[in-house]
């Protein structure tokens, strides 16, 4: 389980001796440096790195990093809020020792996610990982609920030899086709080996729908560990791709048309270890709490898209009838619904019954996305929200009157629309807190302004290799 306690100056009890032992163990295996990783508000993975011998010092006193990165855009330009975006100040990055892992795809390196605190030893209000830790801890304390979560990883594999900035698929053959698997057999085998060496349990890996696209699904963990794992897997995919002369893009839309890369969230609520999405008396075996949790997520989906689909390129992917889930609708195993109820195969429901949130891509900061989805669901639990009638098939086929009667609405079709929905959502803004909520708004509007006037092809190109 993830350590949910905040870091403290001098180190949490036991952290420094543990870091000392880990550093010696890693050094004995030839690990020279440790990547300290976090994800900024724009969804970009940022890092600092330390020599392995410095791990005990980092565990005690952290590593310096400017808070300005909370308002960086994907192109590294900077926006500002009334609190963030200036050159002033410093933060301390504290490695999460329970998630530290030697990188199989990058010999000589280890990796750890970080929490960020102020120089005064307080929580940094802009830290996404800290926000998710706090959300998970509060859910257990106030509601007695815990969660298991997983993030699907989709990416497009391109040739590293392609002209600068362009995407040339590294495989041919049809979607889900054996041809693709055979052509990249060595690559995907090495990727599976790297994941196994890093303790990442892979459920499946397969060629996906779009040109050069693959998907990797991983086992569920507590939400903080699941977000950490999402970042680690992408680090691993990039490294293994490079070693094979390939390049990986996790961008929502690698090309301006067609199906993009998703990052669907899977989440199940649990009480006293029991899965609330099965064994109940409500629809498809859900308990009343599970239904209300789903209803809360559904109600907040328009605002959630500002967290789950945070890039202008996200809206090239979020189109009807492409399995992206662009309507406020739910259904059992309905892949066009924004909220898919997964019941699991007979005999395995306790393990696999969960909710899948589909309008999510890998431009999203996974800590912010998971934390806000949980906050939305808990709002439904608190109000005992009723889950509306389910849909079957494609919601796009519904006439205007029938859609309105069922509460089926189109999710925001652009990033500014998503920001407006987010600004009106008091629950999500309160969950994030004013500093982080304002950073989300500023960064999203900055991204929208950065591509204002560009056509779809240029928007896709602008973000193709950012994620």
Protein backbone atom coordinates (compact mmCIF):
# COMPACT_ATOMS: atom_id res chain seq x y z
CA UNK A 1 0.00 0.00 0.00
CA UNK A 2 1.06 3.55 -0.67
CA UNK A 3 2.34 5.61 2.25
CA UNK A 4 -0.32 8.30 2.70
CA UNK A 5 1.51 10.37 5.32
CA UNK A 6 2.99 13.68 4.18
CA UNK A 7 6.77 14.04 3.97
CA UNK A 8 8.39 16.09 6.73
CA UNK A 9 11.72 17.90 6.96
CA UNK A 10 14.26 15.47 8.33
CA UNK A 11 12.31 12.52 6.91
CA UNK A 12 9.37 10.48 8.12
CA UNK A 13 10.20 7.92 10.82
CA UNK A 14 12.32 5.19 9.27
CA UNK A 15 12.72 6.88 5.88
CA UNK A 16 16.40 7.79 6.15
CA UNK A 17 17.60 4.32 7.29
CA UNK A 18 15.42 2.77 4.60
CA UNK A 19 16.80 5.11 1.94
CA UNK A 20 20.35 4.33 3.08
CA UNK A 21 19.74 0.60 2.68
CA UNK A 22 18.05 1.08 -0.69
CA UNK A 23 20.90 3.26 -1.98
CA UNK A 24 23.46 0.63 -1.02
CA UNK A 25 21.40 -2.14 -2.62
CA UNK A 26 20.91 -0.17 -5.85
CA UNK A 27 24.55 0.86 -6.05
CA UNK A 28 25.55 -2.79 -5.65
CA UNK A 29 23.52 -3.57 -8.76
CA UNK A 30 25.18 -0.81 -10.79
CA UNK A 31 22.44 1.83 -10.47
CA UNK A 32 24.12 5.21 -10.84
CA UNK A 33 21.20 7.62 -10.60
CA UNK A 34 17.58 7.97 -9.54
CA UNK A 35 14.94 9.80 -11.55
CA UNK A 36 12.59 11.84 -9.34
CA UNK A 37 9.36 12.18 -11.31
CA UNK A 38 6.18 14.18 -11.10
CA UNK A 39 3.50 15.34 -13.53
CA UNK A 40 2.68 19.02 -13.91
CA UNK A 41 -0.72 20.63 -14.30
CA UNK A 42 -0.47 20.40 -18.10
CA UNK A 43 0.09 16.64 -17.91
CA UNK A 44 3.78 16.77 -18.82
CA UNK A 45 6.11 14.48 -16.92
CA UNK A 46 8.87 16.53 -15.31
CA UNK A 47 11.97 15.13 -13.60
CA UNK A 48 15.04 15.83 -11.57
CA UNK A 49 17.71 13.20 -11.01
CA UNK A 50 20.17 12.50 -8.22
CA UNK A 51 23.17 10.21 -7.80
CA UNK A 52 22.14 7.03 -6.05
CA UNK A 53 24.26 7.91 -3.01
CA UNK A 54 22.17 11.05 -2.47
CA UNK A 55 18.95 9.12 -1.84
CA UNK A 56 19.18 9.31 2.00
CA UNK A 57 19.66 13.08 1.81
CA UNK A 58 16.69 13.40 -0.54
CA UNK A 59 14.55 11.29 1.80
CA UNK A 60 15.50 13.58 4.70
CA UNK A 61 15.51 17.03 3.14
CA UNK A 62 14.11 16.72 -0.37
CA UNK A 63 15.48 18.13 -3.62
CA UNK A 64 14.82 21.69 -4.76
CA UNK A 65 12.43 22.57 -7.58
CA UNK A 66 10.73 25.83 -8.50
CA UNK A 67 6.94 26.01 -8.08
CA UNK A 68 6.75 27.78 -11.46
CA UNK A 69 6.28 24.43 -13.21
CA UNK A 70 2.72 24.28 -11.87
CA UNK A 71 1.79 26.82 -14.55
CA UNK A 72 3.98 25.58 -17.40
CA UNK A 73 2.21 24.76 -20.65
CA UNK A 74 3.07 21.79 -22.85
CA UNK A 75 5.28 24.03 -25.01
CA UNK A 76 7.16 25.20 -21.88
CA UNK A 77 5.73 28.70 -21.94
CA UNK A 78 4.41 29.96 -18.61
CA UNK A 79 1.06 31.36 -17.49
CA UNK A 80 0.29 32.70 -14.04
CA UNK A 81 -2.33 32.84 -11.31
CA UNK A 82 -2.39 35.17 -8.33
CA UNK A 83 -0.25 32.60 -6.46
CA UNK A 84 1.69 30.59 -9.04
CA UNK A 85 3.81 31.35 -12.08
CA UNK A 86 6.41 33.74 -10.69
CA UNK A 87 10.17 33.07 -10.45
CA UNK A 88 9.98 33.28 -6.66
CA UNK A 89 10.11 30.47 -4.13
CA UNK A 90 11.27 26.88 -3.88
CA UNK A 91 9.77 23.48 -3.18
CA UNK A 92 11.25 20.24 -1.89
CA UNK A 93 10.75 17.01 -3.85
CA UNK A 94 10.52 13.96 -1.58
CA UNK A 95 10.88 10.52 -3.22
CA UNK A 96 8.19 7.96 -2.41
CA UNK A 97 10.43 5.12 -1.24
CA UNK A 98 7.61 2.57 -1.37
CA UNK A 99 7.36 3.13 -5.15
CA UNK A 100 11.07 3.28 -5.97
CA UNK A 101 12.02 0.81 -8.72
CA UNK A 102 15.06 -0.02 -10.81
CA UNK A 103 14.36 0.81 -14.46
CA UNK A 104 14.72 -2.27 -16.64
CA UNK A 105 14.54 -0.19 -19.84
CA UNK A 106 17.21 2.26 -18.66
CA UNK A 107 20.18 0.33 -17.23
CA UNK A 108 21.96 2.28 -14.53
CA UNK A 109 18.85 4.16 -13.43
CA UNK A 110 16.11 3.83 -10.84
CA UNK A 111 12.87 5.81 -10.63
CA UNK A 112 10.60 7.18 -7.91
CA UNK A 113 7.58 9.51 -7.90
CA UNK A 114 7.72 12.48 -5.57
CA UNK A 115 5.52 14.52 -3.28
CA UNK A 116 6.24 18.23 -3.04
CA UNK A 117 6.23 20.25 0.16
CA UNK A 118 7.18 23.84 0.91
CA UNK A 119 10.44 24.91 2.49
CA UNK A 120 8.44 25.39 5.69
CA UNK A 121 7.42 21.73 5.64
CA UNK A 122 3.78 22.26 4.61
CA UNK A 123 1.87 20.47 1.84
CA UNK A 124 2.33 22.24 -1.47
CA UNK A 125 -1.22 23.08 -2.59
CA UNK A 126 -0.28 22.62 -6.25
CA UNK A 127 1.02 19.05 -5.91
CA UNK A 128 -1.20 16.58 -7.76
CA UNK A 129 0.15 13.50 -5.98
CA UNK A 130 -0.43 15.12 -2.61
CA UNK A 131 -3.97 16.02 -3.70
CA UNK A 132 -4.71 12.41 -4.61
CA UNK A 133 -3.18 11.08 -1.39
CA UNK A 134 -5.32 13.50 0.61
CA UNK A 135 -8.46 12.58 -1.35
CA UNK A 136 -7.94 8.86 -0.79
CA UNK A 137 -7.21 9.33 2.92
CA UNK A 138 -10.25 11.55 3.40
CA UNK A 139 -12.51 9.06 1.58
CA UNK A 140 -11.54 6.32 4.00
CA UNK A 141 -11.78 8.54 7.06
CA UNK A 142 -15.11 10.21 6.22
CA UNK A 143 -16.87 7.50 4.22
CA UNK A 144 -15.09 4.27 5.11
CA UNK A 145 -14.36 3.75 1.41
CA UNK A 146 -11.20 2.55 -0.28
CA UNK A 147 -10.57 2.07 -4.00
CA UNK A 148 -8.73 0.01 -6.56
CA UNK A 149 -7.81 1.74 -9.80
CA UNK A 150 -5.96 1.24 -13.06
CA UNK A 151 -5.14 3.43 -16.05
CA UNK A 152 -5.12 1.97 -19.55
CA UNK A 153 -2.10 2.94 -21.66
CA UNK A 154 -2.53 3.51 -25.40
CA UNK A 155 0.27 4.79 -27.58
CA UNK A 156 1.25 5.08 -31.23
CA UNK A 157 4.56 3.50 -32.28
CA UNK A 158 6.40 5.52 -34.90
CA UNK A 159 9.76 5.22 -36.63
CA UNK A 160 12.45 7.29 -34.94
CA UNK A 161 13.96 7.77 -38.41
CA UNK A 162 10.90 9.68 -39.64
CA UNK A 163 11.38 13.32 -40.70
CA UNK A 164 11.52 15.72 -37.75
CA UNK A 165 8.13 16.13 -36.10
CA UNK A 166 6.33 13.66 -38.36
CA UNK A 167 4.68 10.37 -37.45
CA UNK A 168 5.32 7.32 -39.61
CA UNK A 169 3.67 4.17 -38.19
CA UNK A 170 6.20 1.46 -37.34
CA UNK A 171 3.78 -1.34 -38.25
CA UNK A 172 1.34 -2.20 -41.00
CA UNK A 173 -1.65 -4.48 -40.98
CA UNK A 174 -5.21 -4.10 -39.69
CA UNK A 175 -6.43 -3.13 -36.23
CA UNK A 176 -5.88 -5.85 -33.62
CA UNK A 177 -4.14 -7.79 -36.39
CA UNK A 178 -1.59 -10.57 -36.02
CA UNK A 179 0.58 -8.76 -38.57
CA UNK A 180 1.23 -5.89 -36.16
CA UNK A 181 2.07 -8.22 -33.28
CA UNK A 182 4.51 -10.20 -35.44
CA UNK A 183 6.22 -7.15 -36.90
CA UNK A 184 6.95 -5.78 -33.42
CA UNK A 185 7.29 -9.11 -31.65
CA UNK A 186 10.76 -8.43 -30.22
CA UNK A 187 9.77 -4.93 -29.14
CA UNK A 188 6.64 -5.99 -27.28
CA UNK A 189 8.43 -8.98 -25.72
CA UNK A 190 11.11 -6.64 -24.37
CA UNK A 191 8.40 -4.32 -23.08
CA UNK A 192 6.71 -7.18 -21.23
CA UNK A 193 10.06 -8.25 -19.78
CA UNK A 194 10.78 -4.70 -18.59
CA UNK A 195 7.37 -4.41 -16.94
CA UNK A 196 7.80 -7.77 -15.20
CA UNK A 197 11.26 -6.81 -13.93
CA UNK A 198 9.76 -3.61 -12.48
CA UNK A 199 6.91 -5.42 -10.71
CA UNK A 200 4.23 -4.18 -13.12
CA UNK A 201 1.65 -6.92 -13.62
CA UNK A 202 0.38 -6.67 -17.20
CA UNK A 203 -3.09 -8.01 -17.91
CA UNK A 204 -2.79 -7.76 -21.69
CA UNK A 205 -0.96 -6.06 -24.53
CA UNK A 206 -2.31 -5.88 -28.08
CA UNK A 207 -2.34 -3.91 -31.33
CA UNK A 208 -5.11 -1.31 -31.21
CA UNK A 209 -7.30 0.42 -33.78
CA UNK A 210 -5.36 3.46 -35.03
CA UNK A 211 -2.23 3.33 -37.23
CA UNK A 212 0.74 2.03 -35.25
CA UNK A 213 -1.31 1.91 -32.04
CA UNK A 214 -0.88 -0.50 -29.14
CA UNK A 215 -2.54 -0.83 -25.75
CA UNK A 216 -1.20 -2.15 -22.46
CA UNK A 217 -3.54 -2.89 -19.54
CA UNK A 218 -2.17 -3.31 -16.03
CA UNK A 219 -3.44 -4.70 -12.75
CA UNK A 220 -5.33 -2.53 -10.28
CA UNK A 221 -3.73 -0.90 -7.24
CA UNK A 222 -4.73 1.76 -4.75
CA UNK A 223 -5.32 5.03 -6.66
CA UNK A 224 -2.01 6.71 -5.79
CA UNK A 225 -0.03 3.62 -6.76
CA UNK A 226 -2.14 3.29 -9.92
CA UNK A 227 -1.27 6.85 -10.95
CA UNK A 228 2.40 6.19 -10.14
CA UNK A 229 2.28 3.04 -12.25
CA UNK A 230 0.79 4.94 -15.18
CA UNK A 231 3.74 7.34 -15.14
CA UNK A 232 6.25 4.48 -14.74
CA UNK A 233 4.79 2.45 -17.61
CA UNK A 234 5.03 5.42 -19.95
CA UNK A 235 8.65 5.98 -18.91
CA UNK A 236 9.28 2.32 -19.70
CA UNK A 237 7.50 2.37 -23.07
CA UNK A 238 9.54 5.40 -24.16
CA UNK A 239 12.82 3.82 -23.10
CA UNK A 240 12.16 0.43 -24.70
CA UNK A 241 10.90 2.14 -27.87
CA UNK A 242 14.11 4.16 -28.16
CA UNK A 243 16.25 1.04 -27.77
CA UNK A 244 14.41 -0.46 -30.75
CA UNK A 245 14.78 2.58 -33.00
CA UNK A 246 11.16 3.55 -32.40
CA UNK A 247 9.33 6.51 -30.93
CA UNK A 248 6.22 6.42 -28.73
CA UNK A 249 3.49 9.05 -28.69
CA UNK A 250 0.83 9.10 -25.98
CA UNK A 251 -0.78 12.22 -27.44
CA UNK A 252 -4.60 12.20 -27.58
CA UNK A 253 -4.48 12.73 -31.35
CA UNK A 254 -1.28 11.75 -33.13
CA UNK A 255 -3.00 12.49 -36.43
CA UNK A 256 -5.79 15.04 -36.99
CA UNK A 257 -8.32 12.42 -38.04
CA UNK A 258 -9.32 8.98 -36.83
CA UNK A 259 -9.17 7.38 -33.39
CA UNK A 260 -6.68 8.79 -30.90
CA UNK A 261 -4.94 7.47 -27.80
CA UNK A 262 -7.08 7.02 -24.71
CA UNK A 263 -6.14 6.59 -21.07
CA UNK A 264 -9.37 5.13 -19.68
CA UNK A 265 -9.67 5.05 -15.90
CA UNK A 266 -10.94 1.95 -14.12
CA UNK A 267 -12.12 2.35 -10.55
CA UNK A 268 -13.94 0.24 -7.97
CA UNK A 269 -15.19 1.31 -4.53
CA UNK A 270 -14.65 -0.96 -1.57
CA UNK A 271 -15.88 -1.11 2.00
CA UNK A 272 -14.11 -3.36 4.49
CA UNK A 273 -12.38 -4.98 1.52
CA UNK A 274 -15.61 -5.90 -0.28
CA UNK A 275 -16.21 -4.69 -3.84
CA UNK A 276 -19.37 -2.54 -3.86
CA UNK A 277 -19.87 -3.03 -7.60
CA UNK A 278 -20.99 -6.63 -7.22
CA UNK A 279 -23.13 -8.69 -4.84
CA UNK A 280 -25.65 -5.88 -4.32
CA UNK A 281 -29.36 -5.63 -5.04
CA UNK A 282 -29.22 -2.82 -7.61
CA UNK A 283 -28.68 -3.01 -11.35
CA UNK A 284 -26.07 -5.54 -12.46
CA UNK A 285 -25.30 -6.42 -8.87
CA UNK A 286 -24.23 -2.94 -7.80
CA UNK A 287 -24.87 -1.82 -4.25
CA UNK A 288 -26.76 1.41 -3.58
CA UNK A 289 -23.48 3.16 -2.78
CA UNK A 290 -21.88 1.99 -6.02
CA UNK A 291 -24.85 3.30 -8.01
CA UNK A 292 -24.67 6.65 -6.24
CA UNK A 293 -20.93 6.83 -6.80
CA UNK A 294 -21.47 6.21 -10.52
CA UNK A 295 -24.24 8.82 -10.57
CA UNK A 296 -21.88 11.36 -9.02
CA UNK A 297 -19.23 10.74 -11.66
CA UNK A 298 -21.83 10.98 -14.41
CA UNK A 299 -23.21 14.27 -13.08
CA UNK A 300 -19.76 15.89 -12.96
CA UNK A 301 -18.48 14.57 -16.29
CA UNK A 302 -18.73 17.89 -18.18
CA UNK A 303 -16.47 19.57 -15.63
CA UNK A 304 -14.28 16.49 -15.26
CA UNK A 305 -13.24 16.77 -18.91
CA UNK A 306 -11.09 19.77 -17.93
CA UNK A 307 -9.04 17.26 -15.90
CA UNK A 308 -9.39 14.10 -18.00
CA UNK A 309 -9.14 15.68 -21.47
CA UNK A 310 -6.89 18.68 -20.78
CA UNK A 311 -5.26 19.31 -24.15
CA UNK A 312 -6.59 21.03 -27.29
CA UNK A 313 -5.63 17.76 -29.00
CA UNK A 314 -8.01 15.89 -26.67
CA UNK A 315 -10.95 17.32 -28.58
CA UNK A 316 -9.69 15.87 -31.87
CA UNK A 317 -10.20 12.50 -30.18
CA UNK A 318 -13.48 13.22 -28.36
CA UNK A 319 -15.85 12.70 -31.27
CA UNK A 320 -19.14 10.78 -31.41
CA UNK A 321 -19.23 7.19 -32.63
CA UNK A 322 -15.51 6.57 -32.04
CA UNK A 323 -15.77 4.77 -28.69
CA UNK A 324 -14.47 7.86 -26.90
CA UNK A 325 -17.53 8.31 -24.67
CA UNK A 326 -18.61 11.86 -25.46
CA UNK A 327 -22.13 11.84 -23.98
CA UNK A 328 -23.33 11.87 -20.36
CA UNK A 329 -24.53 8.30 -20.49
CA UNK A 330 -23.78 4.99 -18.85
CA UNK A 331 -24.32 1.38 -19.82
CA UNK A 332 -23.24 -2.14 -19.06
CA UNK A 333 -20.28 -3.00 -21.31
CA UNK A 334 -21.34 -0.18 -23.64
CA UNK A 335 -18.15 1.21 -25.13
CA UNK A 336 -19.82 4.32 -26.55
CA UNK A 337 -21.00 5.37 -23.08
CA UNK A 338 -18.82 7.79 -21.15
CA UNK A 339 -19.30 5.61 -18.08
CA UNK A 340 -19.09 1.89 -18.71
CA UNK A 341 -20.21 -0.53 -16.03
CA UNK A 342 -17.91 -3.55 -16.17
CA UNK A 343 -19.48 -6.50 -14.37
CA UNK A 344 -16.75 -9.07 -14.90
CA UNK A 345 -17.06 -12.67 -16.00
CA UNK A 346 -19.20 -15.02 -13.94
CA UNK A 347 -17.13 -16.23 -11.01
CA UNK A 348 -14.72 -13.26 -11.10
CA UNK A 349 -17.00 -10.32 -10.33
CA UNK A 350 -15.51 -9.66 -6.91
CA UNK A 351 -12.14 -8.97 -8.50
CA UNK A 352 -13.11 -7.36 -11.79
CA UNK A 353 -16.42 -5.48 -11.41
CA UNK A 354 -15.66 -1.77 -11.77
CA UNK A 355 -16.45 1.51 -13.50
CA UNK A 356 -14.59 2.59 -16.61
CA UNK A 357 -14.42 6.33 -17.29
CA UNK A 358 -13.85 6.70 -21.02
CA UNK A 359 -13.40 10.41 -21.91
CA UNK A 360 -9.84 10.30 -20.54
CA UNK A 361 -6.54 10.52 -22.37
CA UNK A 362 -2.88 10.45 -21.41
CA UNK A 363 -2.44 14.20 -21.59
CA UNK A 364 -4.19 14.11 -18.23
CA UNK A 365 -2.25 14.36 -15.01
CA UNK A 366 -3.31 10.95 -13.60
CA UNK A 367 -3.23 12.19 -9.99
CA UNK A 368 -5.60 15.08 -10.76
CA UNK A 369 -7.85 12.93 -12.94
CA UNK A 370 -8.24 10.10 -10.43
CA UNK A 371 -8.63 12.47 -7.49
CA UNK A 372 -11.36 14.46 -9.18
CA UNK A 373 -13.22 11.36 -10.38
CA UNK A 374 -13.19 10.09 -6.79
CA UNK A 375 -14.38 13.48 -5.50
CA UNK A 376 -17.22 13.45 -8.03
CA UNK A 377 -18.26 9.95 -7.03
CA UNK A 378 -18.16 10.76 -3.33
CA UNK A 379 -20.44 13.73 -3.99
CA UNK A 380 -22.93 11.23 -5.39
CA UNK A 381 -22.54 8.97 -2.35
CA UNK A 382 -23.07 11.89 0.04
CA UNK A 383 -26.30 12.94 -1.69
CA UNK A 384 -27.47 9.36 -2.36
CA UNK A 385 -27.70 10.36 -6.04
CA UNK A 386 -29.87 8.22 -8.29
CA UNK A 387 -28.30 6.67 -11.36
CA UNK A 388 -30.51 7.42 -14.40
CA UNK A 389 -31.69 4.96 -17.03
CA UNK A 390 -28.87 3.23 -18.85
CA UNK A 391 -28.36 3.38 -22.59
CA UNK A 392 -27.49 0.68 -25.08
CA UNK A 393 -25.82 1.19 -28.41
CA UNK A 394 -24.52 4.55 -29.60
CA UNK A 395 -25.97 7.62 -27.81
CA UNK A 396 -25.41 9.62 -31.01
CA UNK A 397 -28.38 7.79 -32.55
CA UNK A 398 -30.83 9.27 -30.01
CA UNK A 399 -33.12 12.03 -31.20
CA UNK A 400 -33.00 15.36 -29.43
CA UNK A 401 -36.16 14.79 -27.37
CA UNK A 402 -35.25 11.25 -26.33
CA UNK A 403 -31.72 12.31 -25.39
CA UNK A 404 -33.06 15.16 -23.26
CA UNK A 405 -35.56 12.86 -21.55
CA UNK A 406 -32.75 10.46 -20.65
CA UNK A 407 -30.38 13.21 -19.53
CA UNK A 408 -27.95 12.40 -22.33
CA UNK A 409 -25.93 15.50 -23.18
CA UNK A 410 -22.88 16.06 -25.34
CA UNK A 411 -19.76 16.61 -23.29
CA UNK A 412 -17.73 19.78 -24.01
CA UNK A 413 -16.51 19.81 -27.60
CA UNK A 414 -13.57 22.11 -26.93
CA UNK A 415 -11.15 22.91 -24.14
CA UNK A 416 -12.67 26.36 -23.42
CA UNK A 417 -16.10 24.70 -23.05
CA UNK A 418 -14.60 22.23 -20.57
CA UNK A 419 -13.03 25.09 -18.59
CA UNK A 420 -16.38 26.85 -18.36
CA UNK A 421 -18.00 23.68 -17.01
CA UNK A 422 -15.13 23.31 -14.53
CA UNK A 423 -15.49 26.90 -13.36
CA UNK A 424 -19.15 26.26 -12.53
CA UNK A 425 -18.43 23.01 -10.64
CA UNK A 426 -18.05 23.94 -6.98
CA UNK A 427 -17.49 20.35 -5.88
CA UNK A 428 -14.42 19.78 -8.04
CA UNK A 429 -12.98 23.21 -7.36
CA UNK A 430 -13.39 22.72 -3.61
CA UNK A 431 -11.80 19.29 -3.80
CA UNK A 432 -8.74 20.67 -5.58
CA UNK A 433 -8.50 23.77 -3.43
CA UNK A 434 -8.22 27.31 -4.78
CA UNK A 435 -4.52 27.22 -5.69
CA UNK A 436 -4.70 24.04 -7.75
CA UNK A 437 -8.14 24.84 -9.21
CA UNK A 438 -6.89 28.21 -10.43
CA UNK A 439 -3.77 26.58 -11.88
CA UNK A 440 -5.94 24.14 -13.82
CA UNK A 441 -8.01 26.99 -15.25
CA UNK A 442 -4.99 29.12 -16.15
CA UNK A 443 -3.09 26.27 -17.80
CA UNK A 444 -6.11 25.05 -19.79
CA UNK A 445 -6.88 28.54 -21.08
CA UNK A 446 -3.20 29.01 -21.87
CA UNK A 447 -3.17 25.84 -23.94
CA UNK A 448 -6.31 26.94 -25.80
CA UNK A 449 -4.78 30.34 -26.55
CA UNK A 450 -1.55 28.75 -27.75
CA UNK A 451 -3.33 27.00 -30.63
CA UNK A 452 -5.99 29.60 -31.36
CA UNK A 453 -6.51 29.80 -35.11
CA UNK A 454 -4.68 26.56 -35.94
CA UNK A 455 -6.40 23.90 -38.03
CA UNK A 456 -6.72 20.32 -36.79
CA UNK A 457 -3.54 19.13 -38.52
CA UNK A 458 -1.44 21.82 -36.87
CA UNK A 459 -3.04 21.19 -33.45
CA UNK A 460 -2.20 17.49 -33.73
CA UNK A 461 1.35 18.32 -34.79
CA UNK A 462 1.78 20.77 -31.90
CA UNK A 463 1.14 18.06 -29.29
CA UNK A 464 2.26 14.93 -31.17
CA UNK A 465 5.48 14.44 -29.22
CA UNK A 466 4.65 16.32 -26.02
CA UNK A 467 3.13 13.39 -24.13
